[in-house]
Amino acid sequence: MADIRDLNEMLEEVEGRTPVYDDCAQGADQAYRIFVLNAVSNSKTDMYVYGENTLGQVFDDVKTKIGVFDNKLLFFNQTNGKSTADKNMSLADFQICADDTLAIQSDGGVAAVN
């Protein structure tokens, strides 16, 4: 027979495992690992970063590893669903935490055909 647990206990346990995005990026004094993904080809790499690093700095470091070379980009935080095209945004402001995946893709517009 299965043990029956109190619903409040179960909620507290789950909440304890849920990341808190206000303070998850460790900041300037401690490096942490993230994964960077080419959203089109699924090429993936990992790297160590600081919360103060910008999305543009991350892109410059990994573009040849993941095969994205366009300068017009979209960045996606796969953990919380946020997206931006701002290369100057810091990882802390974009709420990229340790072991999160940052997906990058070219923001190449498609020309209209008449």
PDB file of N, CA and C in Angstrom:
ATOM      1  N   MET A   1       0.851  -1.174   0.000  1.00  0.00           N
ATOM      2  CA  MET A   1       0.000   0.000   0.000  1.00  0.00           C
ATOM      3  C   MET A   1       0.897   1.238   0.000  1.00  0.00           C
ATOM      4  N   ALA A   2       0.586   2.206  -0.846  1.00  0.00           N
ATOM      5  CA  ALA A   2       1.382   3.422  -0.977  1.00  0.00           C
ATOM      6  C   ALA A   2       1.172   4.340   0.220  1.00  0.00           C
ATOM      7  N   ASP A   3       2.230   5.030   0.589  1.00  0.00           N
ATOM      8  CA  ASP A   3       2.128   6.018   1.656  1.00  0.00           C
ATOM      9  C   ASP A   3       1.373   7.230   1.137  1.00  0.00           C
ATOM     10  N   ILE A   4       0.511   7.768   1.969  1.00  0.00           N
ATOM     11  CA  ILE A   4      -0.201   8.994   1.614  1.00  0.00           C
ATOM     12  C   ILE A   4       0.504  10.133   2.316  1.00  0.00           C
ATOM     13  N   ARG A   5       0.919  11.138   1.503  1.00  0.00           N
ATOM     14  CA  ARG A   5       1.647  12.274   2.065  1.00  0.00           C
ATOM     15  C   ARG A   5       0.760  13.499   2.085  1.00  0.00           C
ATOM     16  N   ASP A   6       1.033  14.369   3.015  1.00  0.00           N
ATOM     17  CA  ASP A   6       0.322  15.629   3.114  1.00  0.00           C
ATOM     18  C   ASP A   6       0.614  16.486   1.883  1.00  0.00           C
ATOM     19  N   LEU A   7      -0.400  17.066   1.278  1.00  0.00           N
ATOM     20  CA  LEU A   7      -0.240  17.885   0.084  1.00  0.00           C
ATOM     21  C   LEU A   7       0.685  19.072   0.335  1.00  0.00           C
ATOM     22  N   ASN A   8       0.604  19.679   1.505  1.00  0.00           N
ATOM     23  CA  ASN A   8       1.484  20.806   1.828  1.00  0.00           C
ATOM     24  C   ASN A   8       2.949  20.381   1.856  1.00  0.00           C
ATOM     25  N   GLU A   9       3.239  19.198   2.376  1.00  0.00           N
ATOM     26  CA  GLU A   9       4.610  18.676   2.370  1.00  0.00           C
ATOM     27  C   GLU A   9       5.121  18.523   0.945  1.00  0.00           C
ATOM     28  N   MET A  10       4.279  17.979   0.083  1.00  0.00           N
ATOM     29  CA  MET A  10       4.682  17.775  -1.309  1.00  0.00           C
ATOM     30  C   MET A  10       4.932  19.108  -2.000  1.00  0.00           C
ATOM     31  N   LEU A  11       4.090  20.108  -1.773  1.00  0.00           N
ATOM     32  CA  LEU A  11       4.283  21.421  -2.378  1.00  0.00           C
ATOM     33  C   LEU A  11       5.572  22.076  -1.895  1.00  0.00           C
ATOM     34  N   GLU A  12       5.858  21.976  -0.606  1.00  0.00           N
ATOM     35  CA  GLU A  12       7.097  22.538  -0.068  1.00  0.00           C
ATOM     36  C   GLU A  12       8.316  21.874  -0.698  1.00  0.00           C
ATOM     37  N   GLU A  13       8.247  20.581  -0.894  1.00  0.00           N
ATOM     38  CA  GLU A  13       9.350  19.855  -1.509  1.00  0.00           C
ATOM     39  C   GLU A  13       9.592  20.326  -2.945  1.00  0.00           C
ATOM     40  N   VAL A  14       8.529  20.471  -3.711  1.00  0.00           N
ATOM     41  CA  VAL A  14       8.645  20.919  -5.099  1.00  0.00           C
ATOM     42  C   VAL A  14       9.143  22.358  -5.145  1.00  0.00           C
ATOM     43  N   GLU A  15       8.601  23.228  -4.308  1.00  0.00           N
ATOM     44  CA  GLU A  15       9.033  24.619  -4.282  1.00  0.00           C
ATOM     45  C   GLU A  15      10.506  24.735  -3.922  1.00  0.00           C
ATOM     46  N   GLY A  16      10.999  23.826  -3.100  1.00  0.00           N
ATOM     47  CA  GLY A  16      12.411  23.837  -2.728  1.00  0.00           C
ATOM     48  C   GLY A  16      13.323  23.503  -3.894  1.00  0.00           C
ATOM     49  N   ARG A  17      12.805  22.815  -4.907  1.00  0.00           N
ATOM     50  CA  ARG A  17      13.597  22.456  -6.082  1.00  0.00           C
ATOM     51  C   ARG A  17      13.409  23.434  -7.235  1.00  0.00           C
ATOM     52  N   THR A  18      12.442  24.326  -7.141  1.00  0.00           N
ATOM     53  CA  THR A  18      12.173  25.271  -8.215  1.00  0.00           C
ATOM     54  C   THR A  18      13.176  26.412  -8.146  1.00  0.00           C
ATOM     55  N   PRO A  19      13.867  26.721  -9.261  1.00  0.00           N
ATOM     56  CA  PRO A  19      14.841  27.805  -9.221  1.00  0.00           C
ATOM     57  C   PRO A  19      14.180  29.149  -8.975  1.00  0.00           C
ATOM     58  N   VAL A  20      14.877  29.990  -8.262  1.00  0.00           N
ATOM     59  CA  VAL A  20      14.427  31.354  -8.018  1.00  0.00           C
ATOM     60  C   VAL A  20      15.216  32.239  -8.964  1.00  0.00           C
ATOM     61  N   TYR A  21      14.550  32.869  -9.916  1.00  0.00           N
ATOM     62  CA  TYR A  21      15.253  33.586 -10.961  1.00  0.00           C
ATOM     63  C   TYR A  21      15.764  34.950 -10.542  1.00  0.00           C
ATOM     64  N   ASP A  22      15.303  35.480  -9.432  1.00  0.00           N
ATOM     65  CA  ASP A  22      15.794  36.798  -9.010  1.00  0.00           C
ATOM     66  C   ASP A  22      17.266  36.751  -8.627  1.00  0.00           C
ATOM     67  N   ASP A  23      17.732  35.647  -8.119  1.00  0.00           N
ATOM     68  CA  ASP A  23      19.113  35.608  -7.646  1.00  0.00           C
ATOM     69  C   ASP A  23      19.869  34.382  -8.132  1.00  0.00           C
ATOM     70  N   CYS A  24      19.446  33.778  -9.229  1.00  0.00           N
ATOM     71  CA  CYS A  24      20.075  32.525  -9.631  1.00  0.00           C
ATOM     72  C   CYS A  24      21.420  32.727 -10.306  1.00  0.00           C
ATOM     73  N   ALA A  25      21.627  33.827 -11.004  1.00  0.00           N
ATOM     74  CA  ALA A  25      22.929  34.072 -11.631  1.00  0.00           C
ATOM     75  C   ALA A  25      23.893  34.498 -10.533  1.00  0.00           C
ATOM     76  N   GLN A  26      24.989  33.769 -10.405  1.00  0.00           N
ATOM     77  CA  GLN A  26      25.874  33.963  -9.265  1.00  0.00           C
ATOM     78  C   GLN A  26      26.590  35.304  -9.246  1.00  0.00           C
ATOM     79  N   GLY A  27      26.655  36.007 -10.359  1.00  0.00           N
ATOM     80  CA  GLY A  27      27.248  37.332 -10.350  1.00  0.00           C
ATOM     81  C   GLY A  27      28.699  37.331 -10.758  1.00  0.00           C
ATOM     82  N   ALA A  28      29.375  38.420 -10.435  1.00  0.00           N
ATOM     83  CA  ALA A  28      30.714  38.671 -10.945  1.00  0.00           C
ATOM     84  C   ALA A  28      31.795  37.859 -10.250  1.00  0.00           C
ATOM     85  N   ASP A  29      31.526  37.361  -9.061  1.00  0.00           N
ATOM     86  CA  ASP A  29      32.602  36.743  -8.288  1.00  0.00           C
ATOM     87  C   ASP A  29      32.690  35.232  -8.420  1.00  0.00           C
ATOM     88  N   GLN A  30      31.713  34.592  -9.048  1.00  0.00           N
ATOM     89  CA  GLN A  30      31.734  33.134  -9.142  1.00  0.00           C
ATOM     90  C   GLN A  30      31.264  32.681 -10.523  1.00  0.00           C
ATOM     91  N   ALA A  31      32.108  31.936 -11.212  1.00  0.00           N
ATOM     92  CA  ALA A  31      31.743  31.415 -12.533  1.00  0.00           C
ATOM     93  C   ALA A  31      30.804  30.230 -12.384  1.00  0.00           C
ATOM     94  N   TYR A  32      29.931  30.062 -13.367  1.00  0.00           N
ATOM     95  CA  TYR A  32      29.035  28.915 -13.391  1.00  0.00           C
ATOM     96  C   TYR A  32      28.874  28.432 -14.827  1.00  0.00           C
ATOM     97  N   ARG A  33      28.485  27.169 -14.988  1.00  0.00           N
ATOM     98  CA  ARG A  33      28.389  26.552 -16.310  1.00  0.00           C
ATOM     99  C   ARG A  33      26.992  26.735 -16.884  1.00  0.00           C
ATOM    100  N   ILE A  34      26.966  27.068 -18.187  1.00  0.00           N
ATOM    101  CA  ILE A  34      25.722  27.086 -18.937  1.00  0.00           C
ATOM    102  C   ILE A  34      25.926  26.285 -20.221  1.00  0.00           C
ATOM    103  N   PHE A  35      24.840  25.963 -20.876  1.00  0.00           N
ATOM    104  CA  PHE A  35      24.881  25.310 -22.178  1.00  0.00           C
ATOM    105  C   PHE A  35      24.391  26.311 -23.212  1.00  0.00           C
ATOM    106  N   VAL A  36      25.024  26.301 -24.373  1.00  0.00           N
ATOM    107  CA  VAL A  36      24.637  27.194 -25.459  1.00  0.00           C
ATOM    108  C   VAL A  36      24.287  26.331 -26.666  1.00  0.00           C
ATOM    109  N   LEU A  37      23.128  26.591 -27.241  1.00  0.00           N
ATOM    110  CA  LEU A  37      22.547  25.744 -28.274  1.00  0.00           C
ATOM    111  C   LEU A  37      22.262  26.553 -29.530  1.00  0.00           C
ATOM    112  N   ASN A  38      22.619  25.997 -30.694  1.00  0.00           N
ATOM    113  CA  ASN A  38      22.169  26.537 -31.966  1.00  0.00           C
ATOM    114  C   ASN A  38      20.737  26.035 -32.122  1.00  0.00           C
ATOM    115  N   ALA A  39      19.771  26.940 -32.076  1.00  0.00           N
ATOM    116  CA  ALA A  39      18.360  26.550 -32.076  1.00  0.00           C
ATOM    117  C   ALA A  39      17.914  25.904 -33.379  1.00  0.00           C
ATOM    118  N   VAL A  40      18.684  26.066 -34.451  1.00  0.00           N
ATOM    119  CA  VAL A  40      18.312  25.489 -35.742  1.00  0.00           C
ATOM    120  C   VAL A  40      18.929  24.099 -35.930  1.00  0.00           C
ATOM    121  N   SER A  41      20.251  23.994 -35.708  1.00  0.00           N
ATOM    122  CA  SER A  41      20.946  22.730 -35.978  1.00  0.00           C
ATOM    123  C   SER A  41      21.067  21.822 -34.752  1.00  0.00           C
ATOM    124  N   ASN A  42      20.758  22.350 -33.575  1.00  0.00           N
ATOM    125  CA  ASN A  42      20.891  21.642 -32.300  1.00  0.00           C
ATOM    126  C   ASN A  42      22.337  21.380 -31.895  1.00  0.00           C
ATOM    127  N   SER A  43      23.313  22.044 -32.529  1.00  0.00           N
ATOM    128  CA  SER A  43      24.701  21.972 -32.054  1.00  0.00           C
ATOM    129  C   SER A  43      24.749  22.611 -30.668  1.00  0.00           C
ATOM    130  N   LYS A  44      25.459  21.970 -29.755  1.00  0.00           N
ATOM    131  CA  LYS A  44      25.433  22.424 -28.367  1.00  0.00           C
ATOM    132  C   LYS A  44      26.837  22.377 -27.777  1.00  0.00           C
ATOM    133  N   THR A  45      27.140  23.330 -26.920  1.00  0.00           N
ATOM    134  CA  THR A  45      28.401  23.345 -26.202  1.00  0.00           C
ATOM    135  C   THR A  45      28.145  23.879 -24.808  1.00  0.00           C
ATOM    136  N   ASP A  46      29.108  23.727 -23.941  1.00  0.00           N
ATOM    137  CA  ASP A  46      28.982  24.326 -22.614  1.00  0.00           C
ATOM    138  C   ASP A  46      30.131  25.293 -22.398  1.00  0.00           C
ATOM    139  N   MET A  47      29.955  26.181 -21.431  1.00  0.00           N
ATOM    140  CA  MET A  47      30.990  27.151 -21.114  1.00  0.00           C
ATOM    141  C   MET A  47      30.759  27.675 -19.704  1.00  0.00           C
ATOM    142  N   TYR A  48      31.804  28.266 -19.145  1.00  0.00           N
ATOM    143  CA  TYR A  48      31.696  28.891 -17.834  1.00  0.00           C
ATOM    144  C   TYR A  48      31.594  30.390 -18.022  1.00  0.00           C
ATOM    145  N   VAL A  49      30.678  31.004 -17.280  1.00  0.00           N
ATOM    146  CA  VAL A  49      30.367  32.416 -17.434  1.00  0.00           C
ATOM    147  C   VAL A  49      30.219  33.067 -16.058  1.00  0.00           C
ATOM    148  N   TYR A  50      30.097  34.374 -16.091  1.00  0.00           N
ATOM    149  CA  TYR A  50      29.747  35.174 -14.914  1.00  0.00           C
ATOM    150  C   TYR A  50      28.428  35.872 -15.214  1.00  0.00           C
ATOM    151  N   GLY A  51      27.676  36.202 -14.205  1.00  0.00           N
ATOM    152  CA  GLY A  51      26.399  36.883 -14.390  1.00  0.00           C
ATOM    153  C   GLY A  51      26.529  38.201 -15.119  1.00  0.00           C
ATOM    154  N   GLU A  52      27.682  38.843 -15.019  1.00  0.00           N
ATOM    155  CA  GLU A  52      27.874  40.140 -15.677  1.00  0.00           C
ATOM    156  C   GLU A  52      28.223  40.002 -17.157  1.00  0.00           C
ATOM    157  N   ASN A  53      28.559  38.797 -17.626  1.00  0.00           N
ATOM    158  CA  ASN A  53      28.816  38.607 -19.057  1.00  0.00           C
ATOM    159  C   ASN A  53      27.561  38.938 -19.846  1.00  0.00           C
ATOM    160  N   THR A  54      27.764  39.483 -21.049  1.00  0.00           N
ATOM    161  CA  THR A  54      26.623  39.815 -21.901  1.00  0.00           C
ATOM    162  C   THR A  54      26.329  38.668 -22.867  1.00  0.00           C
ATOM    163  N   LEU A  55      25.143  38.692 -23.417  1.00  0.00           N
ATOM    164  CA  LEU A  55      24.769  37.700 -24.420  1.00  0.00           C
ATOM    165  C   LEU A  55      25.684  37.792 -25.637  1.00  0.00           C
ATOM    166  N   GLY A  56      26.094  39.006 -25.989  1.00  0.00           N
ATOM    167  CA  GLY A  56      27.013  39.188 -27.104  1.00  0.00           C
ATOM    168  C   GLY A  56      28.372  38.567 -26.843  1.00  0.00           C
ATOM    169  N   GLN A  57      28.866  38.677 -25.608  1.00  0.00           N
ATOM    170  CA  GLN A  57      30.143  38.054 -25.258  1.00  0.00           C
ATOM    171  C   GLN A  57      30.045  36.533 -25.358  1.00  0.00           C
ATOM    172  N   VAL A  58      28.948  35.978 -24.886  1.00  0.00           N
ATOM    173  CA  VAL A  58      28.749  34.533 -24.982  1.00  0.00           C
ATOM    174  C   VAL A  58      28.725  34.124 -26.450  1.00  0.00           C
ATOM    175  N   PHE A  59      27.967  34.849 -27.271  1.00  0.00           N
ATOM    176  CA  PHE A  59      27.883  34.540 -28.690  1.00  0.00           C
ATOM    177  C   PHE A  59      29.256  34.579 -29.358  1.00  0.00           C
ATOM    178  N   ASP A  60      30.028  35.636 -29.088  1.00  0.00           N
ATOM    179  CA  ASP A  60      31.358  35.764 -29.697  1.00  0.00           C
ATOM    180  C   ASP A  60      32.245  34.569 -29.355  1.00  0.00           C
ATOM    181  N   ASP A  61      32.088  34.039 -28.153  1.00  0.00           N
ATOM    182  CA  ASP A  61      32.926  32.916 -27.727  1.00  0.00           C
ATOM    183  C   ASP A  61      32.512  31.585 -28.351  1.00  0.00           C
ATOM    184  N   VAL A  62      31.230  31.407 -28.639  1.00  0.00           N
ATOM    185  CA  VAL A  62      30.758  30.086 -29.082  1.00  0.00           C
ATOM    186  C   VAL A  62      30.302  30.016 -30.531  1.00  0.00           C
ATOM    187  N   LYS A  63      30.301  31.122 -31.257  1.00  0.00           N
ATOM    188  CA  LYS A  63      29.686  31.113 -32.593  1.00  0.00           C
ATOM    189  C   LYS A  63      30.285  30.075 -33.531  1.00  0.00           C
ATOM    190  N   THR A  64      31.595  29.868 -33.506  1.00  0.00           N
ATOM    191  CA  THR A  64      32.166  28.852 -34.392  1.00  0.00           C
ATOM    192  C   THR A  64      31.881  27.443 -33.876  1.00  0.00           C
ATOM    193  N   LYS A  65      31.777  27.283 -32.573  1.00  0.00           N
ATOM    194  CA  LYS A  65      31.496  25.961 -31.999  1.00  0.00           C
ATOM    195  C   LYS A  65      30.090  25.478 -32.327  1.00  0.00           C
ATOM    196  N   ILE A  66      29.131  26.399 -32.368  1.00  0.00           N
ATOM    197  CA  ILE A  66      27.746  25.980 -32.612  1.00  0.00           C
ATOM    198  C   ILE A  66      27.270  26.307 -34.027  1.00  0.00           C
ATOM    199  N   GLY A  67      28.073  27.045 -34.792  1.00  0.00           N
ATOM    200  CA  GLY A  67      27.757  27.288 -36.189  1.00  0.00           C
ATOM    201  C   GLY A  67      26.726  28.368 -36.462  1.00  0.00           C
ATOM    202  N   VAL A  68      26.727  29.432 -35.669  1.00  0.00           N
ATOM    203  CA  VAL A  68      25.866  30.582 -35.931  1.00  0.00           C
ATOM    204  C   VAL A  68      26.785  31.762 -36.218  1.00  0.00           C
ATOM    205  N   PHE A  69      26.657  32.349 -37.416  1.00  0.00           N
ATOM    206  CA  PHE A  69      27.597  33.398 -37.809  1.00  0.00           C
ATOM    207  C   PHE A  69      26.939  34.735 -38.114  1.00  0.00           C
ATOM    208  N   ASP A  70      25.632  34.789 -38.159  1.00  0.00           N
ATOM    209  CA  ASP A  70      24.908  36.020 -38.438  1.00  0.00           C
ATOM    210  C   ASP A  70      25.095  36.994 -37.275  1.00  0.00           C
ATOM    211  N   ASN A  71      25.068  38.291 -37.558  1.00  0.00           N
ATOM    212  CA  ASN A  71      25.169  39.276 -36.489  1.00  0.00           C
ATOM    213  C   ASN A  71      23.813  39.710 -35.953  1.00  0.00           C
ATOM    214  N   LYS A  72      22.742  39.399 -36.670  1.00  0.00           N
ATOM    215  CA  LYS A  72      21.395  39.697 -36.202  1.00  0.00           C
ATOM    216  C   LYS A  72      20.855  38.424 -35.561  1.00  0.00           C
ATOM    217  N   LEU A  73      20.682  38.447 -34.248  1.00  0.00           N
ATOM    218  CA  LEU A  73      20.419  37.221 -33.496  1.00  0.00           C
ATOM    219  C   LEU A  73      19.196  37.324 -32.609  1.00  0.00           C
ATOM    220  N   LEU A  74      18.655  36.172 -32.268  1.00  0.00           N
ATOM    221  CA  LEU A  74      17.655  36.038 -31.219  1.00  0.00           C
ATOM    222  C   LEU A  74      18.208  35.087 -30.166  1.00  0.00           C
ATOM    223  N   PHE A  75      18.038  35.454 -28.900  1.00  0.00           N
ATOM    224  CA  PHE A  75      18.482  34.643 -27.776  1.00  0.00           C
ATOM    225  C   PHE A  75      17.250  34.155 -27.023  1.00  0.00           C
ATOM    226  N   PHE A  76      17.266  32.884 -26.611  1.00  0.00           N
ATOM    227  CA  PHE A  76      16.148  32.287 -25.890  1.00  0.00           C
ATOM    228  C   PHE A  76      16.654  31.640 -24.609  1.00  0.00           C
ATOM    229  N   ASN A  77      16.017  31.947 -23.490  1.00  0.00           N
ATOM    230  CA  ASN A  77      16.282  31.262 -22.237  1.00  0.00           C
ATOM    231  C   ASN A  77      15.324  30.082 -22.195  1.00  0.00           C
ATOM    232  N   GLN A  78      15.845  28.875 -22.387  1.00  0.00           N
ATOM    233  CA  GLN A  78      14.972  27.708 -22.481  1.00  0.00           C
ATOM    234  C   GLN A  78      14.366  27.293 -21.147  1.00  0.00           C
ATOM    235  N   THR A  79      14.848  27.847 -20.057  1.00  0.00           N
ATOM    236  CA  THR A  79      14.286  27.499 -18.759  1.00  0.00           C
ATOM    237  C   THR A  79      13.025  28.297 -18.451  1.00  0.00           C
ATOM    238  N   ASN A  80      13.057  29.599 -18.739  1.00  0.00           N
ATOM    239  CA  ASN A  80      11.902  30.414 -18.377  1.00  0.00           C
ATOM    240  C   ASN A  80      11.139  30.979 -19.576  1.00  0.00           C
ATOM    241  N   GLY A  81      11.595  30.677 -20.799  1.00  0.00           N
ATOM    242  CA  GLY A  81      10.877  31.099 -21.987  1.00  0.00           C
ATOM    243  C   GLY A  81      11.121  32.521 -22.451  1.00  0.00           C
ATOM    244  N   LYS A  82      11.998  33.255 -21.795  1.00  0.00           N
ATOM    245  CA  LYS A  82      12.283  34.627 -22.213  1.00  0.00           C
ATOM    246  C   LYS A  82      13.064  34.628 -23.516  1.00  0.00           C
ATOM    247  N   SER A  83      12.885  35.715 -24.290  1.00  0.00           N
ATOM    248  CA  SER A  83      13.667  35.882 -25.499  1.00  0.00           C
ATOM    249  C   SER A  83      14.032  37.354 -25.657  1.00  0.00           C
ATOM    250  N   THR A  84      15.130  37.602 -26.376  1.00  0.00           N
ATOM    251  CA  THR A  84      15.579  38.964 -26.632  1.00  0.00           C
ATOM    252  C   THR A  84      16.511  38.969 -27.836  1.00  0.00           C
ATOM    253  N   ALA A  85      16.670  40.136 -28.422  1.00  0.00           N
ATOM    254  CA  ALA A  85      17.669  40.346 -29.479  1.00  0.00           C
ATOM    255  C   ALA A  85      18.780  41.257 -28.972  1.00  0.00           C
ATOM    256  N   ASP A  86      18.743  41.628 -27.694  1.00  0.00           N
ATOM    257  CA  ASP A  86      19.687  42.578 -27.099  1.00  0.00           C
ATOM    258  C   ASP A  86      20.996  41.889 -26.713  1.00  0.00           C
ATOM    259  N   LYS A  87      22.043  42.083 -27.523  1.00  0.00           N
ATOM    260  CA  LYS A  87      23.349  41.475 -27.246  1.00  0.00           C
ATOM    261  C   LYS A  87      24.020  42.075 -26.017  1.00  0.00           C
ATOM    262  N   ASN A  88      23.578  43.258 -25.594  1.00  0.00           N
ATOM    263  CA  ASN A  88      24.194  43.922 -24.446  1.00  0.00           C
ATOM    264  C   ASN A  88      23.576  43.519 -23.110  1.00  0.00           C
ATOM    265  N   MET A  89      22.540  42.697 -23.136  1.00  0.00           N
ATOM    266  CA  MET A  89      21.905  42.252 -21.900  1.00  0.00           C
ATOM    267  C   MET A  89      22.822  41.274 -21.173  1.00  0.00           C
ATOM    268  N   SER A  90      22.926  41.439 -19.862  1.00  0.00           N
ATOM    269  CA  SER A  90      23.766  40.520 -19.078  1.00  0.00           C
ATOM    270  C   SER A  90      23.030  39.203 -18.852  1.00  0.00           C
ATOM    271  N   LEU A  91      23.799  38.165 -18.561  1.00  0.00           N
ATOM    272  CA  LEU A  91      23.196  36.865 -18.255  1.00  0.00           C
ATOM    273  C   LEU A  91      22.331  36.963 -17.005  1.00  0.00           C
ATOM    274  N   ALA A  92      22.761  37.760 -16.037  1.00  0.00           N
ATOM    275  CA  ALA A  92      21.968  37.938 -14.816  1.00  0.00           C
ATOM    276  C   ALA A  92      20.625  38.579 -15.142  1.00  0.00           C
ATOM    277  N   ASP A  93      20.636  39.612 -15.989  1.00  0.00           N
ATOM    278  CA  ASP A  93      19.383  40.272 -16.361  1.00  0.00           C
ATOM    279  C   ASP A  93      18.488  39.360 -17.187  1.00  0.00           C
ATOM    280  N   PHE A  94      19.084  38.467 -17.963  1.00  0.00           N
ATOM    281  CA  PHE A  94      18.333  37.514 -18.780  1.00  0.00           C
ATOM    282  C   PHE A  94      17.953  36.270 -17.978  1.00  0.00           C
ATOM    283  N   GLN A  95      18.372  36.240 -16.736  1.00  0.00           N
ATOM    284  CA  GLN A  95      18.053  35.163 -15.789  1.00  0.00           C
ATOM    285  C   GLN A  95      18.557  33.802 -16.232  1.00  0.00           C
ATOM    286  N   ILE A  96      19.784  33.776 -16.757  1.00  0.00           N
ATOM    287  CA  ILE A  96      20.439  32.520 -17.104  1.00  0.00           C
ATOM    288  C   ILE A  96      21.170  32.014 -15.858  1.00  0.00           C
ATOM    289  N   CYS A  97      20.752  30.868 -15.381  1.00  0.00           N
ATOM    290  CA  CYS A  97      21.306  30.275 -14.164  1.00  0.00           C
ATOM    291  C   CYS A  97      22.261  29.139 -14.509  1.00  0.00           C
ATOM    292  N   ALA A  98      22.926  28.626 -13.498  1.00  0.00           N
ATOM    293  CA  ALA A  98      23.818  27.483 -13.681  1.00  0.00           C
ATOM    294  C   ALA A  98      23.053  26.327 -14.310  1.00  0.00           C
ATOM    295  N   ASP A  99      23.661  25.715 -15.315  1.00  0.00           N
ATOM    296  CA  ASP A  99      23.131  24.567 -16.045  1.00  0.00           C
ATOM    297  C   ASP A  99      21.909  24.880 -16.915  1.00  0.00           C
ATOM    298  N   ASP A 100      21.556  26.156 -17.084  1.00  0.00           N
ATOM    299  CA  ASP A 100      20.502  26.535 -18.014  1.00  0.00           C
ATOM    300  C   ASP A 100      21.025  26.445 -19.442  1.00  0.00           C
ATOM    301  N   THR A 101      20.102  26.400 -20.389  1.00  0.00           N
ATOM    302  CA  THR A 101      20.459  26.394 -21.801  1.00  0.00           C
ATOM    303  C   THR A 101      20.045  27.713 -22.440  1.00  0.00           C
ATOM    304  N   LEU A 102      21.021  28.361 -23.061  1.00  0.00           N
ATOM    305  CA  LEU A 102      20.804  29.574 -23.838  1.00  0.00           C
ATOM    306  C   LEU A 102      20.787  29.169 -25.305  1.00  0.00           C
ATOM    307  N   ALA A 103      19.643  29.308 -25.949  1.00  0.00           N
ATOM    308  CA  ALA A 103      19.533  28.970 -27.374  1.00  0.00           C
ATOM    309  C   ALA A 103      19.726  30.240 -28.190  1.00  0.00           C
ATOM    310  N   ILE A 104      20.469  30.107 -29.296  1.00  0.00           N
ATOM    311  CA  ILE A 104      20.743  31.243 -30.176  1.00  0.00           C
ATOM    312  C   ILE A 104      20.361  30.847 -31.595  1.00  0.00           C
ATOM    313  N   GLN A 105      19.735  31.779 -32.303  1.00  0.00           N
ATOM    314  CA  GLN A 105      19.465  31.549 -33.711  1.00  0.00           C
ATOM    315  C   GLN A 105      19.583  32.857 -34.475  1.00  0.00           C
ATOM    316  N   SER A 106      19.870  32.754 -35.756  1.00  0.00           N
ATOM    317  CA  SER A 106      19.924  33.930 -36.625  1.00  0.00           C
ATOM    318  C   SER A 106      18.523  34.503 -36.731  1.00  0.00           C
ATOM    319  N   ASP A 107      18.454  35.822 -36.726  1.00  0.00           N
ATOM    320  CA  ASP A 107      17.171  36.502 -36.900  1.00  0.00           C
ATOM    321  C   ASP A 107      17.083  37.017 -38.319  1.00  0.00           C
ATOM    322  N   GLY A 108      17.358  36.131 -39.272  1.00  0.00           N
ATOM    323  CA  GLY A 108      17.315  36.516 -40.681  1.00  0.00           C
ATOM    324  C   GLY A 108      15.874  36.642 -41.138  1.00  0.00           C
ATOM    325  N   GLY A 109      15.532  37.819 -41.612  1.00  0.00           N
ATOM    326  CA  GLY A 109      14.177  38.037 -42.088  1.00  0.00           C
ATOM    327  C   GLY A 109      13.977  37.357 -43.440  1.00  0.00           C
ATOM    328  N   VAL A 110      12.773  36.999 -43.719  1.00  0.00           N
ATOM    329  CA  VAL A 110      12.433  36.389 -44.998  1.00  0.00           C
ATOM    330  C   VAL A 110      11.820  37.477 -45.869  1.00  0.00           C
ATOM    331  N   ALA A 111      12.356  37.653 -47.065  1.00  0.00           N
ATOM    332  CA  ALA A 111      11.839  38.670 -47.970  1.00  0.00           C
ATOM    333  C   ALA A 111      10.466  38.275 -48.487  1.00  0.00           C
ATOM    334  N   ALA A 112       9.601  39.245 -48.598  1.00  0.00           N
ATOM    335  CA  ALA A 112       8.269  38.996 -49.134  1.00  0.00           C
ATOM    336  C   ALA A 112       8.351  38.806 -50.641  1.00  0.00           C
ATOM    337  N   VAL A 113       7.600  37.867 -51.150  1.00  0.00           N
ATOM    338  CA  VAL A 113       7.576  37.594 -52.585  1.00  0.00           C
ATOM    339  C   VAL A 113       6.207  37.982 -53.116  1.00  0.00           C
ATOM    340  N   ASN A 114       6.202  38.814 -54.170  1.00  0.00           N
ATOM    341  CA  ASN A 114       4.921  39.241 -54.760  1.00  0.00           C
ATOM    342  C   ASN A 114       4.546  38.340 -55.904  1.00  0.00           C
TER     343      ASN A 114
END
